[in-house]
Amino acid sequence: MSGDHCPDILELSDGSFAVIGTDRTEELDGKLPADASRADYERIVVITRETLLRAKKDIPEA
C-alpha cells in the first residue's frame, strides 16, 4: 500500500505458492548444483533470507 516493492511469498487459492523476487536466471543458471535443473519456462528467482524466515510461520507443515 505504501508503493514500496519488496520480495514476498504468497499462497494461492489452489494451495501452491508464488514468489515475488529478483529474476537472476541469467546469472545463476550455470551455477546450479548438479542435482538441480529448471525447465525453459522456469526462472530462478531470489528472495532474501529474511523474507523466507518471516514467511516460514505462515507455511503449513503438511
PDB file of N, CA and C in Angstrom:
ATOM      1  N   MET A   1       0.812  -1.198   0.000  1.00  0.00           N
ATOM      2  CA  MET A   1       0.000   0.000   0.000  1.00  0.00           C
ATOM      3  C   MET A   1       0.858   1.266   0.000  1.00  0.00           C
ATOM      4  N   SER A   2       2.089   1.153   0.486  1.00  0.00           N
ATOM      5  CA  SER A   2       2.956   2.325   0.551  1.00  0.00           C
ATOM      6  C   SER A   2       3.623   2.634  -0.784  1.00  0.00           C
ATOM      7  N   GLY A   3       3.476   1.722  -1.752  1.00  0.00           N
ATOM      8  CA  GLY A   3       4.138   1.921  -3.031  1.00  0.00           C
ATOM      9  C   GLY A   3       5.502   1.271  -3.082  1.00  0.00           C
ATOM     10  N   ASP A   4       5.994   0.784  -1.935  1.00  0.00           N
ATOM     11  CA  ASP A   4       7.275   0.083  -1.906  1.00  0.00           C
ATOM     12  C   ASP A   4       7.118  -1.284  -2.545  1.00  0.00           C
ATOM     13  N   HIS A   5       8.162  -1.740  -3.178  1.00  0.00           N
ATOM     14  CA  HIS A   5       8.162  -3.066  -3.773  1.00  0.00           C
ATOM     15  C   HIS A   5       9.176  -3.902  -3.013  1.00  0.00           C
ATOM     16  N   CYS A   6       8.784  -5.122  -2.684  1.00  0.00           N
ATOM     17  CA  CYS A   6       9.708  -5.966  -1.946  1.00  0.00           C
ATOM     18  C   CYS A   6       9.385  -7.428  -2.222  1.00  0.00           C
ATOM     19  N   PRO A   7      10.311  -8.313  -1.928  1.00  0.00           N
ATOM     20  CA  PRO A   7      10.053  -9.730  -2.117  1.00  0.00           C
ATOM     21  C   PRO A   7       8.894 -10.183  -1.245  1.00  0.00           C
ATOM     22  N   ASP A   8       8.205 -11.221  -1.696  1.00  0.00           N
ATOM     23  CA  ASP A   8       7.090 -11.751  -0.923  1.00  0.00           C
ATOM     24  C   ASP A   8       6.825 -13.183  -1.353  1.00  0.00           C
ATOM     25  N   ILE A   9       6.168 -13.932  -0.488  1.00  0.00           N
ATOM     26  CA  ILE A   9       5.718 -15.281  -0.779  1.00  0.00           C
ATOM     27  C   ILE A   9       4.224 -15.290  -0.516  1.00  0.00           C
ATOM     28  N   LEU A  10       3.454 -15.721  -1.518  1.00  0.00           N
ATOM     29  CA  LEU A  10       2.004 -15.682  -1.422  1.00  0.00           C
ATOM     30  C   LEU A  10       1.427 -17.073  -1.629  1.00  0.00           C
ATOM     31  N   GLU A  11       0.462 -17.462  -0.788  1.00  0.00           N
ATOM     32  CA  GLU A  11      -0.231 -18.722  -1.011  1.00  0.00           C
ATOM     33  C   GLU A  11      -1.397 -18.456  -1.961  1.00  0.00           C
ATOM     34  N   LEU A  12      -1.488 -19.252  -3.009  1.00  0.00           N
ATOM     35  CA  LEU A  12      -2.550 -19.104  -3.997  1.00  0.00           C
ATOM     36  C   LEU A  12      -3.762 -19.936  -3.592  1.00  0.00           C
ATOM     37  N   SER A  13      -4.886 -19.681  -4.202  1.00  0.00           N
ATOM     38  CA  SER A  13      -6.127 -20.364  -3.837  1.00  0.00           C
ATOM     39  C   SER A  13      -6.061 -21.875  -4.037  1.00  0.00           C
ATOM     40  N   ASP A  14      -5.170 -22.353  -4.910  1.00  0.00           N
ATOM     41  CA  ASP A  14      -5.044 -23.794  -5.133  1.00  0.00           C
ATOM     42  C   ASP A  14      -4.045 -24.451  -4.177  1.00  0.00           C
ATOM     43  N   GLY A  15      -3.489 -23.677  -3.242  1.00  0.00           N
ATOM     44  CA  GLY A  15      -2.560 -24.219  -2.263  1.00  0.00           C
ATOM     45  C   GLY A  15      -1.099 -24.127  -2.666  1.00  0.00           C
ATOM     46  N   SER A  16      -0.812 -23.758  -3.907  1.00  0.00           N
ATOM     47  CA  SER A  16       0.580 -23.574  -4.314  1.00  0.00           C
ATOM     48  C   SER A  16       1.039 -22.173  -3.881  1.00  0.00           C
ATOM     49  N   PHE A  17       2.332 -21.926  -4.015  1.00  0.00           N
ATOM     50  CA  PHE A  17       2.890 -20.649  -3.574  1.00  0.00           C
ATOM     51  C   PHE A  17       3.503 -19.897  -4.746  1.00  0.00           C
ATOM     52  N   ALA A  18       3.359 -18.588  -4.730  1.00  0.00           N
ATOM     53  CA  ALA A  18       4.002 -17.715  -5.709  1.00  0.00           C
ATOM     54  C   ALA A  18       5.079 -16.923  -4.973  1.00  0.00           C
ATOM     55  N   VAL A  19       6.202 -16.721  -5.635  1.00  0.00           N
ATOM     56  CA  VAL A  19       7.302 -15.977  -5.044  1.00  0.00           C
ATOM     57  C   VAL A  19       7.561 -14.737  -5.887  1.00  0.00           C
ATOM     58  N   ILE A  20       7.593 -13.594  -5.222  1.00  0.00           N
ATOM     59  CA  ILE A  20       7.962 -12.347  -5.877  1.00  0.00           C
ATOM     60  C   ILE A  20       9.379 -12.032  -5.431  1.00  0.00           C
ATOM     61  N   GLY A  21      10.285 -11.996  -6.377  1.00  0.00           N
ATOM     62  CA  GLY A  21      11.685 -11.746  -6.043  1.00  0.00           C
ATOM     63  C   GLY A  21      12.410 -11.197  -7.258  1.00  0.00           C
ATOM     64  N   THR A  22      13.712 -11.251  -7.212  1.00  0.00           N
ATOM     65  CA  THR A  22      14.541 -10.738  -8.283  1.00  0.00           C
ATOM     66  C   THR A  22      14.898 -11.872  -9.236  1.00  0.00           C
ATOM     67  N   ASP A  23      14.607 -11.703 -10.512  1.00  0.00           N
ATOM     68  CA  ASP A  23      14.942 -12.704 -11.523  1.00  0.00           C
ATOM     69  C   ASP A  23      16.446 -12.662 -11.761  1.00  0.00           C
ATOM     70  N   ARG A  24      17.129 -13.760 -11.380  1.00  0.00           N
ATOM     71  CA  ARG A  24      18.582 -13.834 -11.572  1.00  0.00           C
ATOM     72  C   ARG A  24      18.951 -15.070 -12.388  1.00  0.00           C
ATOM     73  N   THR A  25      18.036 -15.473 -13.270  1.00  0.00           N
ATOM     74  CA  THR A  25      18.226 -16.679 -14.061  1.00  0.00           C
ATOM     75  C   THR A  25      19.527 -16.634 -14.855  1.00  0.00           C
ATOM     76  N   GLU A  26      19.756 -15.572 -15.579  1.00  0.00           N
ATOM     77  CA  GLU A  26      20.960 -15.497 -16.420  1.00  0.00           C
ATOM     78  C   GLU A  26      22.231 -15.635 -15.592  1.00  0.00           C
ATOM     79  N   GLU A  27      22.260 -15.004 -14.446  1.00  0.00           N
ATOM     80  CA  GLU A  27      23.445 -15.009 -13.584  1.00  0.00           C
ATOM     81  C   GLU A  27      23.680 -16.376 -12.939  1.00  0.00           C
ATOM     82  N   LEU A  28      22.615 -17.049 -12.523  1.00  0.00           N
ATOM     83  CA  LEU A  28      22.760 -18.257 -11.708  1.00  0.00           C
ATOM     84  C   LEU A  28      22.536 -19.572 -12.448  1.00  0.00           C
ATOM     85  N   ASP A  29      22.020 -19.523 -13.654  1.00  0.00           N
ATOM     86  CA  ASP A  29      21.663 -20.751 -14.376  1.00  0.00           C
ATOM     87  C   ASP A  29      22.834 -21.724 -14.490  1.00  0.00           C
ATOM     88  N   GLY A  30      24.000 -21.251 -14.799  1.00  0.00           N
ATOM     89  CA  GLY A  30      25.164 -22.118 -14.942  1.00  0.00           C
ATOM     90  C   GLY A  30      25.809 -22.506 -13.627  1.00  0.00           C
ATOM     91  N   LYS A  31      25.285 -21.992 -12.524  1.00  0.00           N
ATOM     92  CA  LYS A  31      25.867 -22.261 -11.204  1.00  0.00           C
ATOM     93  C   LYS A  31      25.004 -23.187 -10.357  1.00  0.00           C
ATOM     94  N   LEU A  32      23.945 -23.743 -10.952  1.00  0.00           N
ATOM     95  CA  LEU A  32      23.082 -24.647 -10.199  1.00  0.00           C
ATOM     96  C   LEU A  32      23.843 -25.909  -9.821  1.00  0.00           C
ATOM     97  N   PRO A  33      23.529 -26.493  -8.660  1.00  0.00           N
ATOM     98  CA  PRO A  33      24.152 -27.770  -8.299  1.00  0.00           C
ATOM     99  C   PRO A  33      23.790 -28.849  -9.321  1.00  0.00           C
ATOM    100  N   ALA A  34      24.585 -29.893  -9.381  1.00  0.00           N
ATOM    101  CA  ALA A  34      24.382 -30.962 -10.366  1.00  0.00           C
ATOM    102  C   ALA A  34      23.011 -31.619 -10.246  1.00  0.00           C
ATOM    103  N   ASP A  35      22.438 -31.628  -9.049  1.00  0.00           N
ATOM    104  CA  ASP A  35      21.141 -32.282  -8.860  1.00  0.00           C
ATOM    105  C   ASP A  35      19.961 -31.321  -9.020  1.00  0.00           C
ATOM    106  N   ALA A  36      20.209 -30.113  -9.494  1.00  0.00           N
ATOM    107  CA  ALA A  36      19.146 -29.122  -9.708  1.00  0.00           C
ATOM    108  C   ALA A  36      19.057 -28.799 -11.196  1.00  0.00           C
ATOM    109  N   SER A  37      17.840 -28.563 -11.644  1.00  0.00           N
ATOM    110  CA  SER A  37      17.642 -28.166 -13.035  1.00  0.00           C
ATOM    111  C   SER A  37      16.374 -27.337 -13.130  1.00  0.00           C
ATOM    112  N   ARG A  38      16.176 -26.715 -14.271  1.00  0.00           N
ATOM    113  CA  ARG A  38      14.961 -25.935 -14.496  1.00  0.00           C
ATOM    114  C   ARG A  38      14.514 -26.129 -15.937  1.00  0.00           C
ATOM    115  N   ALA A  39      13.223 -26.030 -16.148  1.00  0.00           N
ATOM    116  CA  ALA A  39      12.674 -26.108 -17.499  1.00  0.00           C
ATOM    117  C   ALA A  39      12.831 -24.747 -18.173  1.00  0.00           C
ATOM    118  N   ASP A  40      12.699 -24.714 -19.485  1.00  0.00           N
ATOM    119  CA  ASP A  40      12.838 -23.450 -20.224  1.00  0.00           C
ATOM    120  C   ASP A  40      11.841 -22.386 -19.765  1.00  0.00           C
ATOM    121  N   TYR A  41      10.688 -22.809 -19.284  1.00  0.00           N
ATOM    122  CA  TYR A  41       9.655 -21.849 -18.861  1.00  0.00           C
ATOM    123  C   TYR A  41       9.826 -21.430 -17.395  1.00  0.00           C
ATOM    124  N   GLU A  42      10.802 -21.982 -16.684  1.00  0.00           N
ATOM    125  CA  GLU A  42      11.030 -21.639 -15.286  1.00  0.00           C
ATOM    126  C   GLU A  42      12.144 -20.601 -15.167  1.00  0.00           C
ATOM    127  N   ARG A  43      12.074 -19.813 -14.112  1.00  0.00           N
ATOM    128  CA  ARG A  43      13.066 -18.779 -13.849  1.00  0.00           C
ATOM    129  C   ARG A  43      13.664 -19.016 -12.472  1.00  0.00           C
ATOM    130  N   ILE A  44      14.877 -18.569 -12.245  1.00  0.00           N
ATOM    131  CA  ILE A  44      15.495 -18.611 -10.926  1.00  0.00           C
ATOM    132  C   ILE A  44      15.214 -17.267 -10.269  1.00  0.00           C
ATOM    133  N   VAL A  45      14.428 -17.299  -9.207  1.00  0.00           N
ATOM    134  CA  VAL A  45      14.023 -16.081  -8.507  1.00  0.00           C
ATOM    135  C   VAL A  45      14.653 -16.090  -7.123  1.00  0.00           C
ATOM    136  N   VAL A  46      15.274 -14.992  -6.758  1.00  0.00           N
ATOM    137  CA  VAL A  46      15.965 -14.883  -5.486  1.00  0.00           C
ATOM    138  C   VAL A  46      15.166 -13.984  -4.550  1.00  0.00           C
ATOM    139  N   ILE A  47      15.002 -14.467  -3.316  1.00  0.00           N
ATOM    140  CA  ILE A  47      14.421 -13.648  -2.257  1.00  0.00           C
ATOM    141  C   ILE A  47      15.434 -13.601  -1.118  1.00  0.00           C
ATOM    142  N   THR A  48      15.296 -12.654  -0.249  1.00  0.00           N
ATOM    143  CA  THR A  48      16.234 -12.541   0.861  1.00  0.00           C
ATOM    144  C   THR A  48      15.969 -13.628   1.896  1.00  0.00           C
ATOM    145  N   ARG A  49      16.981 -13.936   2.655  1.00  0.00           N
ATOM    146  CA  ARG A  49      16.842 -14.894   3.757  1.00  0.00           C
ATOM    147  C   ARG A  49      15.775 -14.399   4.728  1.00  0.00           C
ATOM    148  N   GLU A  50      15.780 -13.106   5.008  1.00  0.00           N
ATOM    149  CA  GLU A  50      14.804 -12.510   5.922  1.00  0.00           C
ATOM    150  C   GLU A  50      13.376 -12.759   5.443  1.00  0.00           C
ATOM    151  N   THR A  51      13.134 -12.624   4.145  1.00  0.00           N
ATOM    152  CA  THR A  51      11.792 -12.847   3.604  1.00  0.00           C
ATOM    153  C   THR A  51      11.355 -14.286   3.848  1.00  0.00           C
ATOM    154  N   LEU A  52      12.220 -15.236   3.565  1.00  0.00           N
ATOM    155  CA  LEU A  52      11.863 -16.637   3.748  1.00  0.00           C
ATOM    156  C   LEU A  52      11.636 -16.971   5.223  1.00  0.00           C
ATOM    157  N   LEU A  53      12.483 -16.463   6.095  1.00  0.00           N
ATOM    158  CA  LEU A  53      12.310 -16.733   7.523  1.00  0.00           C
ATOM    159  C   LEU A  53      11.018 -16.125   8.057  1.00  0.00           C
ATOM    160  N   ARG A  54      10.666 -14.952   7.588  1.00  0.00           N
ATOM    161  CA  ARG A  54       9.400 -14.331   8.019  1.00  0.00           C
ATOM    162  C   ARG A  54       8.195 -15.107   7.496  1.00  0.00           C
ATOM    163  N   ALA A  55       8.319 -15.670   6.310  1.00  0.00           N
ATOM    164  CA  ALA A  55       7.212 -16.427   5.720  1.00  0.00           C
ATOM    165  C   ALA A  55       7.065 -17.810   6.345  1.00  0.00           C
ATOM    166  N   LYS A  56       8.123 -18.316   6.951  1.00  0.00           N
ATOM    167  CA  LYS A  56       8.120 -19.678   7.479  1.00  0.00           C
ATOM    168  C   LYS A  56       6.931 -19.949   8.388  1.00  0.00           C
ATOM    169  N   LYS A  57       6.587 -19.000   9.247  1.00  0.00           N
ATOM    170  CA  LYS A  57       5.478 -19.206  10.181  1.00  0.00           C
ATOM    171  C   LYS A  57       4.140 -19.347   9.478  1.00  0.00           C
ATOM    172  N   ASP A  58       4.026 -18.877   8.252  1.00  0.00           N
ATOM    173  CA  ASP A  58       2.781 -18.933   7.509  1.00  0.00           C
ATOM    174  C   ASP A  58       2.704 -20.123   6.555  1.00  0.00           C
ATOM    175  N   ILE A  59       3.780 -20.910   6.458  1.00  0.00           N
ATOM    176  CA  ILE A  59       3.801 -22.060   5.555  1.00  0.00           C
ATOM    177  C   ILE A  59       3.424 -23.296   6.355  1.00  0.00           C
ATOM    178  N   PRO A  60       2.350 -23.980   5.961  1.00  0.00           N
ATOM    179  CA  PRO A  60       1.910 -25.163   6.713  1.00  0.00           C
ATOM    180  C   PRO A  60       2.941 -26.294   6.651  1.00  0.00           C
ATOM    181  N   GLU A  61       2.949 -27.111   7.689  1.00  0.00           N
ATOM    182  CA  GLU A  61       3.870 -28.246   7.759  1.00  0.00           C
ATOM    183  C   GLU A  61       3.484 -29.334   6.765  1.00  0.00           C
ATOM    184  N   ALA A  62       2.212 -29.478   6.493  1.00  0.00           N
ATOM    185  CA  ALA A  62       1.764 -30.553   5.587  1.00  0.00           C
ATOM    186  C   ALA A  62       0.789 -30.026   4.561  1.00  0.00           C
TER     187      ALA A  62
END
